[in-house]
Amino acid sequence: MAYSAKYWREINARLILSGIPDPVRQLPSMHSILDVAEFMIVEHMDTKQRDRYYSEAYRPDLNSDVVPAGFDAASQRASFAAMIAASDD
């Protein structure tokens, strides 16, 4: 998420150039924006770097059945609403 916030202009430009002129309002969830950010992180990595990144980023917590914070539906909606509010300034 920090990458998405820090590089919002680049992410927004990438989406605009892809035909999505208002990504915050047009995409279904914040996870769509995070997917684009992740793509931008890995697009210039070689296979070994990319595999290491994915292994570290998505290593499961085998000792927990709890949904990670921010991944329930209410948190996603609140996160997206906050980003919309911030983009209106």
PDB file of N, CA and C in Angstrom:
ATOM      1  N   MET A   1       0.825  -1.192   0.000  1.00  0.00           N
ATOM      2  CA  MET A   1       0.000   0.000   0.000  1.00  0.00           C
ATOM      3  C   MET A   1       0.871   1.257   0.000  1.00  0.00           C
ATOM      4  N   ALA A   2       2.002   1.197   0.704  1.00  0.00           N
ATOM      5  CA  ALA A   2       2.867   2.375   0.759  1.00  0.00           C
ATOM      6  C   ALA A   2       3.360   2.754  -0.630  1.00  0.00           C
ATOM      7  N   TYR A   3       3.675   1.746  -1.443  1.00  0.00           N
ATOM      8  CA  TYR A   3       4.121   2.011  -2.810  1.00  0.00           C
ATOM      9  C   TYR A   3       3.026   2.746  -3.575  1.00  0.00           C
ATOM     10  N   SER A   4       1.781   2.280  -3.424  1.00  0.00           N
ATOM     11  CA  SER A   4       0.657   2.898  -4.143  1.00  0.00           C
ATOM     12  C   SER A   4       0.487   4.355  -3.757  1.00  0.00           C
ATOM     13  N   ALA A   5       0.643   4.651  -2.474  1.00  0.00           N
ATOM     14  CA  ALA A   5       0.494   6.033  -2.017  1.00  0.00           C
ATOM     15  C   ALA A   5       1.649   6.899  -2.511  1.00  0.00           C
ATOM     16  N   LYS A   6       2.869   6.385  -2.426  1.00  0.00           N
ATOM     17  CA  LYS A   6       4.046   7.161  -2.812  1.00  0.00           C
ATOM     18  C   LYS A   6       4.087   7.428  -4.317  1.00  0.00           C
ATOM     19  N   TYR A   7       3.668   6.456  -5.104  1.00  0.00           N
ATOM     20  CA  TYR A   7       3.768   6.571  -6.554  1.00  0.00           C
ATOM     21  C   TYR A   7       2.405   6.716  -7.225  1.00  0.00           C
ATOM     22  N   TRP A   8       1.461   7.351  -6.535  1.00  0.00           N
ATOM     23  CA  TRP A   8       0.114   7.471  -7.068  1.00  0.00           C
ATOM     24  C   TRP A   8       0.090   8.129  -8.447  1.00  0.00           C
ATOM     25  N   ARG A   9       0.875   9.171  -8.670  1.00  0.00           N
ATOM     26  CA  ARG A   9       0.861   9.854  -9.971  1.00  0.00           C
ATOM     27  C   ARG A   9       1.238   8.896 -11.105  1.00  0.00           C
ATOM     28  N   GLU A  10       2.265   8.079 -10.878  1.00  0.00           N
ATOM     29  CA  GLU A  10       2.684   7.125 -11.904  1.00  0.00           C
ATOM     30  C   GLU A  10       1.624   6.053 -12.133  1.00  0.00           C
ATOM     31  N   ILE A  11       1.027   5.556 -11.055  1.00  0.00           N
ATOM     32  CA  ILE A  11      -0.026   4.544 -11.176  1.00  0.00           C
ATOM     33  C   ILE A  11      -1.226   5.137 -11.900  1.00  0.00           C
ATOM     34  N   ASN A  12      -1.619   6.319 -11.499  1.00  0.00           N
ATOM     35  CA  ASN A  12      -2.762   6.999 -12.115  1.00  0.00           C
ATOM     36  C   ASN A  12      -2.500   7.217 -13.609  1.00  0.00           C
ATOM     37  N   ALA A  13      -1.307   7.670 -13.958  1.00  0.00           N
ATOM     38  CA  ALA A  13      -0.968   7.892 -15.365  1.00  0.00           C
ATOM     39  C   ALA A  13      -1.017   6.586 -16.145  1.00  0.00           C
ATOM     40  N   ARG A  14      -0.502   5.510 -15.562  1.00  0.00           N
ATOM     41  CA  ARG A  14      -0.526   4.204 -16.240  1.00  0.00           C
ATOM     42  C   ARG A  14      -1.967   3.782 -16.525  1.00  0.00           C
ATOM     43  N   LEU A  15      -2.850   3.992 -15.551  1.00  0.00           N
ATOM     44  CA  LEU A  15      -4.251   3.622 -15.734  1.00  0.00           C
ATOM     45  C   LEU A  15      -4.937   4.517 -16.767  1.00  0.00           C
ATOM     46  N   ILE A  16      -4.643   5.808 -16.726  1.00  0.00           N
ATOM     47  CA  ILE A  16      -5.220   6.730 -17.714  1.00  0.00           C
ATOM     48  C   ILE A  16      -4.785   6.326 -19.120  1.00  0.00           C
ATOM     49  N   LEU A  17      -3.507   6.028 -19.287  1.00  0.00           N
ATOM     50  CA  LEU A  17      -3.004   5.619 -20.599  1.00  0.00           C
ATOM     51  C   LEU A  17      -3.581   4.270 -21.035  1.00  0.00           C
ATOM     52  N   SER A  18      -4.080   3.501 -20.068  1.00  0.00           N
ATOM     53  CA  SER A  18      -4.704   2.208 -20.377  1.00  0.00           C
ATOM     54  C   SER A  18      -6.201   2.347 -20.645  1.00  0.00           C
ATOM     55  N   GLY A  19      -6.709   3.587 -20.623  1.00  0.00           N
ATOM     56  CA  GLY A  19      -8.121   3.797 -20.937  1.00  0.00           C
ATOM     57  C   GLY A  19      -9.042   3.910 -19.739  1.00  0.00           C
ATOM     58  N   ILE A  20      -8.473   4.116 -18.557  1.00  0.00           N
ATOM     59  CA  ILE A  20      -9.287   4.292 -17.349  1.00  0.00           C
ATOM     60  C   ILE A  20      -9.023   5.703 -16.837  1.00  0.00           C
ATOM     61  N   PRO A  21      -9.798   6.697 -17.297  1.00  0.00           N
ATOM     62  CA  PRO A  21      -9.493   8.100 -16.990  1.00  0.00           C
ATOM     63  C   PRO A  21      -9.703   8.500 -15.532  1.00  0.00           C
ATOM     64  N   ASP A  22     -10.523   7.792 -14.796  1.00  0.00           N
ATOM     65  CA  ASP A  22     -10.783   8.129 -13.387  1.00  0.00           C
ATOM     66  C   ASP A  22     -10.746   6.843 -12.562  1.00  0.00           C
ATOM     67  N   PRO A  23      -9.539   6.287 -12.332  1.00  0.00           N
ATOM     68  CA  PRO A  23      -9.423   4.975 -11.719  1.00  0.00           C
ATOM     69  C   PRO A  23     -10.073   4.857 -10.341  1.00  0.00           C
ATOM     70  N   VAL A  24      -9.994   5.894  -9.541  1.00  0.00           N
ATOM     71  CA  VAL A  24     -10.545   5.805  -8.185  1.00  0.00           C
ATOM     72  C   VAL A  24     -12.052   5.571  -8.219  1.00  0.00           C
ATOM     73  N   ARG A  25     -12.713   6.148  -9.188  1.00  0.00           N
ATOM     74  CA  ARG A  25     -14.161   5.978  -9.282  1.00  0.00           C
ATOM     75  C   ARG A  25     -14.568   4.819 -10.198  1.00  0.00           C
ATOM     76  N   GLN A  26     -13.711   4.446 -11.120  1.00  0.00           N
ATOM     77  CA  GLN A  26     -14.089   3.441 -12.110  1.00  0.00           C
ATOM     78  C   GLN A  26     -13.693   2.014 -11.740  1.00  0.00           C
ATOM     79  N   LEU A  27     -12.693   1.847 -10.913  1.00  0.00           N
ATOM     80  CA  LEU A  27     -12.281   0.497 -10.549  1.00  0.00           C
ATOM     81  C   LEU A  27     -13.135  -0.015  -9.387  1.00  0.00           C
ATOM     82  N   PRO A  28     -13.360  -1.316  -9.333  1.00  0.00           N
ATOM     83  CA  PRO A  28     -14.298  -1.869  -8.355  1.00  0.00           C
ATOM     84  C   PRO A  28     -13.805  -1.860  -6.910  1.00  0.00           C
ATOM     85  N   SER A  29     -12.491  -1.872  -6.700  1.00  0.00           N
ATOM     86  CA  SER A  29     -11.981  -1.889  -5.325  1.00  0.00           C
ATOM     87  C   SER A  29     -10.550  -1.369  -5.295  1.00  0.00           C
ATOM     88  N   MET A  30     -10.074  -1.097  -4.102  1.00  0.00           N
ATOM     89  CA  MET A  30      -8.698  -0.647  -3.916  1.00  0.00           C
ATOM     90  C   MET A  30      -7.719  -1.733  -4.360  1.00  0.00           C
ATOM     91  N   HIS A  31      -8.145  -2.979  -4.293  1.00  0.00           N
ATOM     92  CA  HIS A  31      -7.264  -4.070  -4.697  1.00  0.00           C
ATOM     93  C   HIS A  31      -6.886  -3.985  -6.172  1.00  0.00           C
ATOM     94  N   SER A  32      -7.737  -3.409  -6.984  1.00  0.00           N
ATOM     95  CA  SER A  32      -7.401  -3.221  -8.404  1.00  0.00           C
ATOM     96  C   SER A  32      -6.218  -2.266  -8.548  1.00  0.00           C
ATOM     97  N   ILE A  33      -6.215  -1.213  -7.763  1.00  0.00           N
ATOM     98  CA  ILE A  33      -5.100  -0.254  -7.794  1.00  0.00           C
ATOM     99  C   ILE A  33      -3.831  -0.915  -7.259  1.00  0.00           C
ATOM    100  N   LEU A  34      -3.972  -1.711  -6.210  1.00  0.00           N
ATOM    101  CA  LEU A  34      -2.816  -2.418  -5.662  1.00  0.00           C
ATOM    102  C   LEU A  34      -2.259  -3.425  -6.667  1.00  0.00           C
ATOM    103  N   ASP A  35      -3.131  -4.057  -7.453  1.00  0.00           N
ATOM    104  CA  ASP A  35      -2.668  -4.979  -8.491  1.00  0.00           C
ATOM    105  C   ASP A  35      -1.804  -4.251  -9.523  1.00  0.00           C
ATOM    106  N   VAL A  36      -2.213  -3.054  -9.908  1.00  0.00           N
ATOM    107  CA  VAL A  36      -1.429  -2.270 -10.864  1.00  0.00           C
ATOM    108  C   VAL A  36      -0.095  -1.880 -10.233  1.00  0.00           C
ATOM    109  N   ALA A  37      -0.129  -1.470  -8.978  1.00  0.00           N
ATOM    110  CA  ALA A  37       1.112  -1.102  -8.290  1.00  0.00           C
ATOM    111  C   ALA A  37       2.062  -2.294  -8.235  1.00  0.00           C
ATOM    112  N   GLU A  38       1.526  -3.459  -7.919  1.00  0.00           N
ATOM    113  CA  GLU A  38       2.376  -4.644  -7.857  1.00  0.00           C
ATOM    114  C   GLU A  38       2.954  -4.980  -9.238  1.00  0.00           C
ATOM    115  N   PHE A  39       2.149  -4.848 -10.264  1.00  0.00           N
ATOM    116  CA  PHE A  39       2.654  -5.085 -11.613  1.00  0.00           C
ATOM    117  C   PHE A  39       3.816  -4.145 -11.917  1.00  0.00           C
ATOM    118  N   MET A  40       3.676  -2.886 -11.526  1.00  0.00           N
ATOM    119  CA  MET A  40       4.739  -1.908 -11.778  1.00  0.00           C
ATOM    120  C   MET A  40       6.004  -2.257 -10.993  1.00  0.00           C
ATOM    121  N   ILE A  41       5.840  -2.845  -9.815  1.00  0.00           N
ATOM    122  CA  ILE A  41       7.003  -3.244  -9.011  1.00  0.00           C
ATOM    123  C   ILE A  41       7.768  -4.364  -9.701  1.00  0.00           C
ATOM    124  N   VAL A  42       7.060  -5.352 -10.229  1.00  0.00           N
ATOM    125  CA  VAL A  42       7.726  -6.550 -10.751  1.00  0.00           C
ATOM    126  C   VAL A  42       7.999  -6.532 -12.250  1.00  0.00           C
ATOM    127  N   GLU A  43       7.465  -5.565 -12.987  1.00  0.00           N
ATOM    128  CA  GLU A  43       7.556  -5.639 -14.446  1.00  0.00           C
ATOM    129  C   GLU A  43       8.979  -5.637 -14.992  1.00  0.00           C
ATOM    130  N   HIS A  44       9.936  -5.077 -14.273  1.00  0.00           N
ATOM    131  CA  HIS A  44      11.311  -5.043 -14.774  1.00  0.00           C
ATOM    132  C   HIS A  44      12.236  -5.994 -14.026  1.00  0.00           C
ATOM    133  N   MET A  45      11.658  -6.855 -13.197  1.00  0.00           N
ATOM    134  CA  MET A  45      12.454  -7.851 -12.477  1.00  0.00           C
ATOM    135  C   MET A  45      12.687  -9.065 -13.365  1.00  0.00           C
ATOM    136  N   ASP A  46      13.833  -9.720 -13.153  1.00  0.00           N
ATOM    137  CA  ASP A  46      14.021 -10.994 -13.848  1.00  0.00           C
ATOM    138  C   ASP A  46      13.254 -12.075 -13.074  1.00  0.00           C
ATOM    139  N   THR A  47      13.213 -13.260 -13.602  1.00  0.00           N
ATOM    140  CA  THR A  47      12.408 -14.334 -13.015  1.00  0.00           C
ATOM    141  C   THR A  47      12.816 -14.625 -11.574  1.00  0.00           C
ATOM    142  N   LYS A  48      14.097 -14.658 -11.296  1.00  0.00           N
ATOM    143  CA  LYS A  48      14.584 -14.964  -9.944  1.00  0.00           C
ATOM    144  C   LYS A  48      14.152 -13.875  -8.954  1.00  0.00           C
ATOM    145  N   GLN A  49      14.309 -12.616  -9.337  1.00  0.00           N
ATOM    146  CA  GLN A  49      13.899 -11.506  -8.468  1.00  0.00           C
ATOM    147  C   GLN A  49      12.387 -11.533  -8.228  1.00  0.00           C
ATOM    148  N   ARG A  50      11.625 -11.787  -9.297  1.00  0.00           N
ATOM    149  CA  ARG A  50      10.173 -11.809  -9.194  1.00  0.00           C
ATOM    150  C   ARG A  50       9.704 -12.954  -8.290  1.00  0.00           C
ATOM    151  N   ASP A  51      10.301 -14.129  -8.451  1.00  0.00           N
ATOM    152  CA  ASP A  51       9.936 -15.266  -7.606  1.00  0.00           C
ATOM    153  C   ASP A  51      10.243 -14.982  -6.140  1.00  0.00           C
ATOM    154  N   ARG A  52      11.386 -14.340  -5.887  1.00  0.00           N
ATOM    155  CA  ARG A  52      11.744 -13.996  -4.508  1.00  0.00           C
ATOM    156  C   ARG A  52      10.753 -12.969  -3.931  1.00  0.00           C
ATOM    157  N   TYR A  53      10.417 -11.965  -4.736  1.00  0.00           N
ATOM    158  CA  TYR A  53       9.453 -10.944  -4.287  1.00  0.00           C
ATOM    159  C   TYR A  53       8.119 -11.599  -3.920  1.00  0.00           C
ATOM    160  N   TYR A  54       7.591 -12.427  -4.831  1.00  0.00           N
ATOM    161  CA  TYR A  54       6.302 -13.075  -4.562  1.00  0.00           C
ATOM    162  C   TYR A  54       6.371 -13.993  -3.346  1.00  0.00           C
ATOM    163  N   SER A  55       7.467 -14.703  -3.194  1.00  0.00           N
ATOM    164  CA  SER A  55       7.628 -15.598  -2.051  1.00  0.00           C
ATOM    165  C   SER A  55       7.599 -14.819  -0.735  1.00  0.00           C
ATOM    166  N   GLU A  56       8.276 -13.677  -0.712  1.00  0.00           N
ATOM    167  CA  GLU A  56       8.313 -12.871   0.510  1.00  0.00           C
ATOM    168  C   GLU A  56       7.003 -12.123   0.743  1.00  0.00           C
ATOM    169  N   ALA A  57       6.404 -11.627  -0.328  1.00  0.00           N
ATOM    170  CA  ALA A  57       5.186 -10.826  -0.188  1.00  0.00           C
ATOM    171  C   ALA A  57       3.967 -11.677   0.161  1.00  0.00           C
ATOM    172  N   TYR A  58       3.937 -12.910  -0.305  1.00  0.00           N
ATOM    173  CA  TYR A  58       2.733 -13.732  -0.143  1.00  0.00           C
ATOM    174  C   TYR A  58       2.963 -15.001   0.664  1.00  0.00           C
ATOM    175  N   ARG A  59       3.988 -14.984   1.483  1.00  0.00           N
ATOM    176  CA  ARG A  59       4.239 -16.132   2.347  1.00  0.00           C
ATOM    177  C   ARG A  59       3.069 -16.252   3.324  1.00  0.00           C
ATOM    178  N   PRO A  60       2.391 -17.389   3.343  1.00  0.00           N
ATOM    179  CA  PRO A  60       1.230 -17.516   4.229  1.00  0.00           C
ATOM    180  C   PRO A  60       1.634 -17.644   5.691  1.00  0.00           C
ATOM    181  N   ASP A  61       0.786 -17.148   6.557  1.00  0.00           N
ATOM    182  CA  ASP A  61       0.952 -17.354   7.985  1.00  0.00           C
ATOM    183  C   ASP A  61       0.218 -18.648   8.308  1.00  0.00           C
ATOM    184  N   LEU A  62       0.955 -19.711   8.425  1.00  0.00           N
ATOM    185  CA  LEU A  62       0.351 -21.032   8.604  1.00  0.00           C
ATOM    186  C   LEU A  62      -0.266 -21.244   9.976  1.00  0.00           C
ATOM    187  N   ASN A  63      -0.047 -20.296  10.877  1.00  0.00           N
ATOM    188  CA  ASN A  63      -0.572 -20.437  12.229  1.00  0.00           C
ATOM    189  C   ASN A  63      -1.830 -19.613  12.460  1.00  0.00           C
ATOM    190  N   SER A  64      -2.463 -19.128  11.397  1.00  0.00           N
ATOM    191  CA  SER A  64      -3.609 -18.241  11.574  1.00  0.00           C
ATOM    192  C   SER A  64      -4.718 -18.552  10.566  1.00  0.00           C
ATOM    193  N   ASP A  65      -5.958 -18.510  11.059  1.00  0.00           N
ATOM    194  CA  ASP A  65      -7.127 -18.643  10.195  1.00  0.00           C
ATOM    195  C   ASP A  65      -7.831 -17.302  10.049  1.00  0.00           C
ATOM    196  N   VAL A  66      -7.236 -16.240  10.567  1.00  0.00           N
ATOM    197  CA  VAL A  66      -7.842 -14.917  10.578  1.00  0.00           C
ATOM    198  C   VAL A  66      -7.627 -14.229   9.236  1.00  0.00           C
ATOM    199  N   VAL A  67      -8.652 -13.564   8.740  1.00  0.00           N
ATOM    200  CA  VAL A  67      -8.531 -12.765   7.516  1.00  0.00           C
ATOM    201  C   VAL A  67      -7.637 -11.571   7.834  1.00  0.00           C
ATOM    202  N   PRO A  68      -6.619 -11.310   7.024  1.00  0.00           N
ATOM    203  CA  PRO A  68      -5.724 -10.186   7.299  1.00  0.00           C
ATOM    204  C   PRO A  68      -6.484  -8.854   7.354  1.00  0.00           C
ATOM    205  N   ALA A  69      -6.003  -7.955   8.181  1.00  0.00           N
ATOM    206  CA  ALA A  69      -6.632  -6.640   8.314  1.00  0.00           C
ATOM    207  C   ALA A  69      -6.708  -5.960   6.964  1.00  0.00           C
ATOM    208  N   GLY A  70      -7.860  -5.362   6.681  1.00  0.00           N
ATOM    209  CA  GLY A  70      -8.042  -4.627   5.444  1.00  0.00           C
ATOM    210  C   GLY A  70      -8.589  -5.446   4.291  1.00  0.00           C
ATOM    211  N   PHE A  71      -8.771  -6.741   4.480  1.00  0.00           N
ATOM    212  CA  PHE A  71      -9.239  -7.586   3.385  1.00  0.00           C
ATOM    213  C   PHE A  71     -10.710  -7.971   3.510  1.00  0.00           C
ATOM    214  N   ASP A  72     -11.373  -7.545   4.581  1.00  0.00           N
ATOM    215  CA  ASP A  72     -12.810  -7.789   4.651  1.00  0.00           C
ATOM    216  C   ASP A  72     -13.511  -6.715   3.812  1.00  0.00           C
ATOM    217  N   ALA A  73     -14.745  -6.986   3.414  1.00  0.00           N
ATOM    218  CA  ALA A  73     -15.468  -6.103   2.493  1.00  0.00           C
ATOM    219  C   ALA A  73     -15.614  -4.681   3.039  1.00  0.00           C
ATOM    220  N   ALA A  74     -15.933  -4.538   4.317  1.00  0.00           N
ATOM    221  CA  ALA A  74     -16.123  -3.202   4.903  1.00  0.00           C
ATOM    222  C   ALA A  74     -14.824  -2.392   4.867  1.00  0.00           C
ATOM    223  N   SER A  75     -13.713  -3.028   5.157  1.00  0.00           N
ATOM    224  CA  SER A  75     -12.423  -2.327   5.131  1.00  0.00           C
ATOM    225  C   SER A  75     -12.057  -1.894   3.716  1.00  0.00           C
ATOM    226  N   GLN A  76     -12.354  -2.749   2.734  1.00  0.00           N
ATOM    227  CA  GLN A  76     -12.072  -2.387   1.353  1.00  0.00           C
ATOM    228  C   GLN A  76     -12.885  -1.172   0.929  1.00  0.00           C
ATOM    229  N   ARG A  77     -14.173  -1.162   1.276  1.00  0.00           N
ATOM    230  CA  ARG A  77     -15.018  -0.018   0.920  1.00  0.00           C
ATOM    231  C   ARG A  77     -14.534   1.257   1.604  1.00  0.00           C
ATOM    232  N   ALA A  78     -14.171   1.163   2.883  1.00  0.00           N
ATOM    233  CA  ALA A  78     -13.692   2.329   3.621  1.00  0.00           C
ATOM    234  C   ALA A  78     -12.385   2.852   3.025  1.00  0.00           C
ATOM    235  N   SER A  79     -11.501   1.963   2.640  1.00  0.00           N
ATOM    236  CA  SER A  79     -10.231   2.350   2.049  1.00  0.00           C
ATOM    237  C   SER A  79     -10.442   3.064   0.720  1.00  0.00           C
ATOM    238  N   PHE A  80     -11.332   2.526  -0.085  1.00  0.00           N
ATOM    239  CA  PHE A  80     -11.612   3.128  -1.386  1.00  0.00           C
ATOM    240  C   PHE A  80     -12.286   4.491  -1.211  1.00  0.00           C
ATOM    241  N   ALA A  81     -13.228   4.606  -0.261  1.00  0.00           N
ATOM    242  CA  ALA A  81     -13.891   5.878   0.007  1.00  0.00           C
ATOM    243  C   ALA A  81     -12.892   6.932   0.466  1.00  0.00           C
ATOM    244  N   ALA A  82     -11.935   6.535   1.290  1.00  0.00           N
ATOM    245  CA  ALA A  82     -10.903   7.466   1.757  1.00  0.00           C
ATOM    246  C   ALA A  82     -10.050   7.967   0.601  1.00  0.00           C
ATOM    247  N   MET A  83      -9.727   7.071  -0.327  1.00  0.00           N
ATOM    248  CA  MET A  83      -8.922   7.487  -1.463  1.00  0.00           C
ATOM    249  C   MET A  83      -9.708   8.419  -2.382  1.00  0.00           C
ATOM    250  N   ILE A  84     -10.982   8.151  -2.567  1.00  0.00           N
ATOM    251  CA  ILE A  84     -11.825   9.034  -3.368  1.00  0.00           C
ATOM    252  C   ILE A  84     -11.888  10.424  -2.718  1.00  0.00           C
ATOM    253  N   ALA A  85     -12.086  10.452  -1.406  1.00  0.00           N
ATOM    254  CA  ALA A  85     -12.157  11.726  -0.697  1.00  0.00           C
ATOM    255  C   ALA A  85     -10.845  12.504  -0.836  1.00  0.00           C
ATOM    256  N   ALA A  86      -9.728  11.792  -0.750  1.00  0.00           N
ATOM    257  CA  ALA A  86      -8.423  12.450  -0.857  1.00  0.00           C
ATOM    258  C   ALA A  86      -8.179  12.961  -2.274  1.00  0.00           C
ATOM    259  N   SER A  87      -8.695  12.268  -3.276  1.00  0.00           N
ATOM    260  CA  SER A  87      -8.455  12.697  -4.654  1.00  0.00           C
ATOM    261  C   SER A  87      -9.320  13.874  -5.058  1.00  0.00           C
ATOM    262  N   ASP A  88     -10.367  14.169  -4.280  1.00  0.00           N
ATOM    263  CA  ASP A  88     -11.235  15.301  -4.581  1.00  0.00           C
ATOM    264  C   ASP A  88     -10.635  16.636  -4.153  1.00  0.00           C
ATOM    265  N   ASP A  89      -9.570  16.599  -3.373  1.00  0.00           N
ATOM    266  CA  ASP A  89      -8.965  17.847  -2.883  1.00  0.00           C
ATOM    267  C   ASP A  89      -8.266  18.610  -3.956  1.00  0.00           C
TER     268      ASP A  89
END
